[in-house]
């Protein structure tokens, strides 16, 4: 019943929670822009015909796939770099 929260010593952390939270905004904006570009492409060719809209949608899906592949590679690289930083091997991690 008398549980007390102990403050963690965060002085050894590389980034603060605020610095990490500041990264969320640009990431969300990037994802929204990717969606809006696909929508804008479809709207621009809507008057041309059904085949044009299908072509744009197909290419948009391929573009999103490529973006997600690079995002996965970046995430994997961040995990590996984080492991090296965690074991204080900063020469390899940079």
N, C-alpha and C. Protein backbone atom coordinates (compact mmCIF):
# COMPACT_ATOMS: atom_id res chain seq x y z
N UNK A 1 0.81 -1.19 0.00
CA UNK A 1 0.00 0.00 0.00
C UNK A 1 0.86 1.26 0.00
N UNK A 2 2.00 1.20 0.59
CA UNK A 2 2.86 2.37 0.68
C UNK A 2 3.96 2.34 -0.37
N UNK A 3 3.60 2.02 -1.60
CA UNK A 3 4.61 1.97 -2.65
C UNK A 3 5.05 3.38 -3.02
N UNK A 4 6.34 3.56 -3.12
CA UNK A 4 6.88 4.85 -3.54
C UNK A 4 7.65 4.65 -4.84
N UNK A 5 7.52 5.61 -5.70
CA UNK A 5 8.24 5.54 -6.96
C UNK A 5 9.64 6.10 -6.76
N UNK A 6 10.60 5.35 -7.24
CA UNK A 6 11.97 5.81 -7.18
C UNK A 6 12.33 6.41 -8.53
N UNK A 7 12.99 7.54 -8.50
CA UNK A 7 13.40 8.17 -9.74
C UNK A 7 14.61 7.44 -10.30
N UNK A 8 14.56 7.21 -11.61
CA UNK A 8 15.69 6.58 -12.26
C UNK A 8 16.74 7.63 -12.60
N UNK A 9 17.98 7.20 -12.56
CA UNK A 9 19.07 8.08 -12.97
C UNK A 9 19.18 8.02 -14.49
N UNK A 10 18.78 9.09 -15.15
CA UNK A 10 18.78 9.13 -16.61
C UNK A 10 19.97 9.91 -17.16
N UNK A 11 20.95 10.18 -16.35
CA UNK A 11 22.08 10.99 -16.81
C UNK A 11 22.95 10.24 -17.82
N UNK A 12 22.89 8.92 -17.82
CA UNK A 12 23.72 8.15 -18.74
C UNK A 12 23.01 7.85 -20.06
N UNK A 13 21.76 8.28 -20.20
CA UNK A 13 21.02 8.05 -21.45
C UNK A 13 21.53 8.98 -22.54
N UNK A 14 21.51 8.50 -23.77
CA UNK A 14 21.97 9.30 -24.90
C UNK A 14 20.98 10.41 -25.24
N UNK A 15 19.67 10.10 -25.16
CA UNK A 15 18.63 11.05 -25.51
C UNK A 15 17.61 11.13 -24.39
N UNK A 16 17.03 12.31 -24.23
CA UNK A 16 15.96 12.46 -23.24
C UNK A 16 14.63 12.08 -23.88
N UNK A 17 13.62 11.90 -23.05
CA UNK A 17 12.29 11.59 -23.57
C UNK A 17 11.77 12.72 -24.45
N UNK A 18 12.07 13.95 -24.10
CA UNK A 18 11.63 15.10 -24.89
C UNK A 18 12.28 15.10 -26.27
N UNK A 19 13.55 14.77 -26.34
CA UNK A 19 14.23 14.72 -27.64
C UNK A 19 13.65 13.62 -28.52
N UNK A 20 13.32 12.50 -27.93
CA UNK A 20 12.70 11.42 -28.70
C UNK A 20 11.29 11.79 -29.14
N UNK A 21 10.55 12.48 -28.28
CA UNK A 21 9.20 12.91 -28.62
C UNK A 21 9.22 13.93 -29.76
N UNK A 22 10.28 14.73 -29.84
CA UNK A 22 10.40 15.71 -30.92
C UNK A 22 10.54 15.05 -32.29
N UNK A 23 10.94 13.80 -32.33
CA UNK A 23 11.07 13.09 -33.60
C UNK A 23 9.74 12.59 -34.14
N UNK A 24 8.74 12.50 -33.30
CA UNK A 24 7.45 11.93 -33.72
C UNK A 24 6.78 12.82 -34.76
N UNK A 25 6.82 14.12 -34.57
CA UNK A 25 6.15 15.05 -35.50
C UNK A 25 6.61 14.89 -36.94
N UNK A 26 7.92 14.99 -37.21
CA UNK A 26 8.37 14.81 -38.60
C UNK A 26 8.05 13.44 -39.18
N UNK A 27 8.08 12.40 -38.35
CA UNK A 27 7.75 11.07 -38.85
C UNK A 27 6.29 10.96 -39.27
N UNK A 28 5.41 11.53 -38.48
CA UNK A 28 3.98 11.51 -38.81
C UNK A 28 3.72 12.33 -40.07
N UNK A 29 4.36 13.49 -40.16
CA UNK A 29 4.19 14.34 -41.34
C UNK A 29 4.68 13.62 -42.60
N UNK A 30 5.79 12.92 -42.50
CA UNK A 30 6.32 12.18 -43.66
C UNK A 30 5.33 11.12 -44.14
N UNK A 31 4.75 10.38 -43.20
CA UNK A 31 3.79 9.34 -43.57
C UNK A 31 2.53 9.94 -44.18
N UNK A 32 2.05 11.05 -43.61
CA UNK A 32 0.87 11.70 -44.17
C UNK A 32 1.13 12.24 -45.57
N UNK A 33 2.31 12.80 -45.79
CA UNK A 33 2.65 13.31 -47.12
C UNK A 33 2.72 12.18 -48.14
N UNK A 34 3.23 11.02 -47.74
CA UNK A 34 3.28 9.88 -48.66
C UNK A 34 1.88 9.47 -49.08
N UNK A 35 0.95 9.47 -48.14
CA UNK A 35 -0.44 9.12 -48.45
C UNK A 35 -1.07 10.18 -49.34
N UNK A 36 -0.84 11.45 -49.01
CA UNK A 36 -1.45 12.54 -49.79
C UNK A 36 -0.90 12.60 -51.21
N UNK A 37 0.37 12.27 -51.40
CA UNK A 37 0.93 12.26 -52.76
C UNK A 37 0.24 11.19 -53.60
N UNK A 38 0.02 10.01 -53.01
CA UNK A 38 -0.70 8.96 -53.73
C UNK A 38 -2.12 9.38 -54.08
N UNK A 39 -2.78 10.04 -53.14
CA UNK A 39 -4.14 10.52 -53.41
C UNK A 39 -4.14 11.60 -54.49
N UNK A 40 -3.18 12.50 -54.43
CA UNK A 40 -3.10 13.57 -55.43
C UNK A 40 -2.84 13.00 -56.82
N UNK A 41 -1.98 11.99 -56.90
CA UNK A 41 -1.73 11.34 -58.19
C UNK A 41 -3.00 10.74 -58.76
N UNK A 42 -3.76 10.06 -57.92
CA UNK A 42 -5.01 9.45 -58.38
C UNK A 42 -6.02 10.50 -58.81
N UNK A 43 -6.09 11.60 -58.09
CA UNK A 43 -7.04 12.66 -58.44
C UNK A 43 -6.66 13.31 -59.77
N UNK A 44 -5.35 13.50 -59.98
CA UNK A 44 -4.91 14.15 -61.22
C UNK A 44 -5.23 13.32 -62.46
N UNK A 45 -5.15 12.01 -62.36
CA UNK A 45 -5.40 11.17 -63.54
C UNK A 45 -6.83 10.64 -63.59
N UNK A 46 -7.67 11.04 -62.66
CA UNK A 46 -9.04 10.53 -62.62
C UNK A 46 -9.81 10.88 -63.88
N UNK A 47 -9.54 12.03 -64.47
CA UNK A 47 -10.25 12.44 -65.69
C UNK A 47 -9.76 11.70 -66.93
N UNK A 48 -8.57 11.12 -66.87
CA UNK A 48 -8.00 10.45 -68.05
C UNK A 48 -8.72 9.14 -68.32
N UNK A 49 -8.94 8.37 -67.26
CA UNK A 49 -9.65 7.11 -67.47
C UNK A 49 -9.35 6.09 -66.39
N UNK A 50 -10.06 4.99 -66.51
CA UNK A 50 -9.96 3.92 -65.52
C UNK A 50 -8.58 3.27 -65.52
N UNK A 51 -8.03 3.05 -66.69
CA UNK A 51 -6.72 2.40 -66.80
C UNK A 51 -5.63 3.27 -66.19
N UNK A 52 -5.72 4.57 -66.35
CA UNK A 52 -4.72 5.47 -65.79
C UNK A 52 -4.76 5.45 -64.27
N UNK A 53 -5.95 5.45 -63.70
CA UNK A 53 -6.08 5.39 -62.24
C UNK A 53 -5.53 4.07 -61.72
N UNK A 54 -5.81 2.98 -62.43
CA UNK A 54 -5.28 1.67 -62.03
C UNK A 54 -3.76 1.65 -62.08
N UNK A 55 -3.20 2.25 -63.12
CA UNK A 55 -1.74 2.31 -63.25
C UNK A 55 -1.10 3.12 -62.13
N UNK A 56 -1.70 4.25 -61.82
CA UNK A 56 -1.16 5.09 -60.74
C UNK A 56 -1.27 4.36 -59.41
N UNK A 57 -2.37 3.67 -59.17
CA UNK A 57 -2.54 2.93 -57.91
C UNK A 57 -1.52 1.81 -57.80
N UNK A 58 -1.25 1.13 -58.92
CA UNK A 58 -0.27 0.05 -58.91
C UNK A 58 1.12 0.59 -58.59
N UNK A 59 1.51 1.67 -59.24
CA UNK A 59 2.82 2.26 -59.01
C UNK A 59 2.92 2.80 -57.59
N UNK A 60 1.85 3.36 -57.07
CA UNK A 60 1.84 3.89 -55.71
C UNK A 60 2.08 2.77 -54.70
N UNK A 61 1.46 1.61 -54.93
CA UNK A 61 1.69 0.48 -54.03
C UNK A 61 3.14 0.02 -54.07
N UNK A 62 3.73 0.01 -55.24
CA UNK A 62 5.15 -0.38 -55.36
C UNK A 62 6.03 0.64 -54.66
N UNK A 63 5.71 1.92 -54.81
CA UNK A 63 6.48 2.97 -54.14
C UNK A 63 6.41 2.83 -52.62
N UNK A 64 5.22 2.55 -52.11
CA UNK A 64 5.06 2.37 -50.67
C UNK A 64 5.84 1.14 -50.19
N UNK A 65 5.85 0.08 -51.00
CA UNK A 65 6.63 -1.12 -50.66
C UNK A 65 8.11 -0.79 -50.55
N UNK A 66 8.63 -0.04 -51.51
CA UNK A 66 10.05 0.33 -51.49
C UNK A 66 10.36 1.21 -50.29
N UNK A 67 9.49 2.15 -49.98
CA UNK A 67 9.69 3.01 -48.81
C UNK A 67 9.72 2.17 -47.54
N UNK A 68 8.82 1.20 -47.43
CA UNK A 68 8.77 0.35 -46.24
C UNK A 68 10.00 -0.55 -46.14
N UNK A 69 10.53 -1.00 -47.26
CA UNK A 69 11.76 -1.81 -47.23
C UNK A 69 12.91 -0.98 -46.67
N UNK A 70 13.05 0.26 -47.16
CA UNK A 70 14.12 1.11 -46.64
C UNK A 70 13.90 1.48 -45.17
N UNK A 71 12.66 1.65 -44.77
CA UNK A 71 12.36 1.93 -43.36
C UNK A 71 12.74 0.74 -42.50
N UNK A 72 12.49 -0.47 -42.99
CA UNK A 72 12.86 -1.68 -42.24
C UNK A 72 14.38 -1.79 -42.13
N UNK A 73 15.09 -1.49 -43.20
CA UNK A 73 16.56 -1.51 -43.14
C UNK A 73 17.09 -0.47 -42.17
N UNK A 74 16.49 0.71 -42.15
CA UNK A 74 16.91 1.76 -41.21
C UNK A 74 16.64 1.34 -39.78
N UNK A 75 15.50 0.69 -39.54
CA UNK A 75 15.18 0.22 -38.20
C UNK A 75 16.17 -0.85 -37.76
N UNK A 76 16.48 -1.76 -38.65
CA UNK A 76 17.47 -2.80 -38.33
C UNK A 76 18.83 -2.20 -38.03
N UNK A 77 19.23 -1.20 -38.81
CA UNK A 77 20.50 -0.53 -38.55
C UNK A 77 20.51 0.18 -37.21
N UNK A 78 19.37 0.76 -36.85
CA UNK A 78 19.28 1.44 -35.55
C UNK A 78 19.38 0.44 -34.41
N UNK A 79 18.81 -0.75 -34.60
CA UNK A 79 18.90 -1.78 -33.56
C UNK A 79 20.34 -2.23 -33.38
N UNK A 80 21.03 -2.48 -34.49
CA UNK A 80 22.43 -2.91 -34.40
C UNK A 80 23.29 -1.82 -33.78
N UNK A 81 23.11 -0.58 -34.21
CA UNK A 81 23.88 0.53 -33.63
C UNK A 81 23.57 0.68 -32.15
N UNK A 82 22.31 0.51 -31.77
CA UNK A 82 21.93 0.59 -30.36
C UNK A 82 22.59 -0.48 -29.52
N UNK A 83 22.74 -1.67 -30.09
CA UNK A 83 23.42 -2.74 -29.35
C UNK A 83 24.89 -2.41 -29.14
N UNK A 84 25.54 -1.86 -30.18
CA UNK A 84 26.94 -1.48 -30.02
C UNK A 84 27.10 -0.34 -29.01
N UNK A 85 26.20 0.63 -29.07
CA UNK A 85 26.26 1.74 -28.11
C UNK A 85 26.00 1.22 -26.71
N UNK A 86 25.07 0.26 -26.57
CA UNK A 86 24.75 -0.30 -25.26
C UNK A 86 25.91 -1.01 -24.61
N UNK A 87 26.76 -1.62 -25.41
CA UNK A 87 27.91 -2.28 -24.81
C UNK A 87 29.17 -1.41 -24.87
N UNK A 88 28.95 -0.12 -25.08
CA UNK A 88 30.01 0.91 -25.03
C UNK A 88 31.07 0.73 -26.11
N UNK A 89 30.67 0.20 -27.27
CA UNK A 89 31.58 0.04 -28.39
C UNK A 89 31.24 1.11 -29.43
N UNK A 90 31.48 2.36 -29.05
CA UNK A 90 31.04 3.48 -29.88
C UNK A 90 31.86 3.64 -31.15
N UNK A 91 33.06 3.07 -31.20
CA UNK A 91 33.88 3.18 -32.41
C UNK A 91 33.20 2.46 -33.57
N UNK A 92 32.65 1.30 -33.34
CA UNK A 92 31.97 0.54 -34.39
C UNK A 92 30.60 1.12 -34.67
N UNK A 93 29.92 1.64 -33.67
CA UNK A 93 28.54 2.10 -33.84
C UNK A 93 28.42 3.39 -34.63
N UNK A 94 29.46 4.17 -34.72
CA UNK A 94 29.34 5.47 -35.40
C UNK A 94 29.68 5.35 -36.85
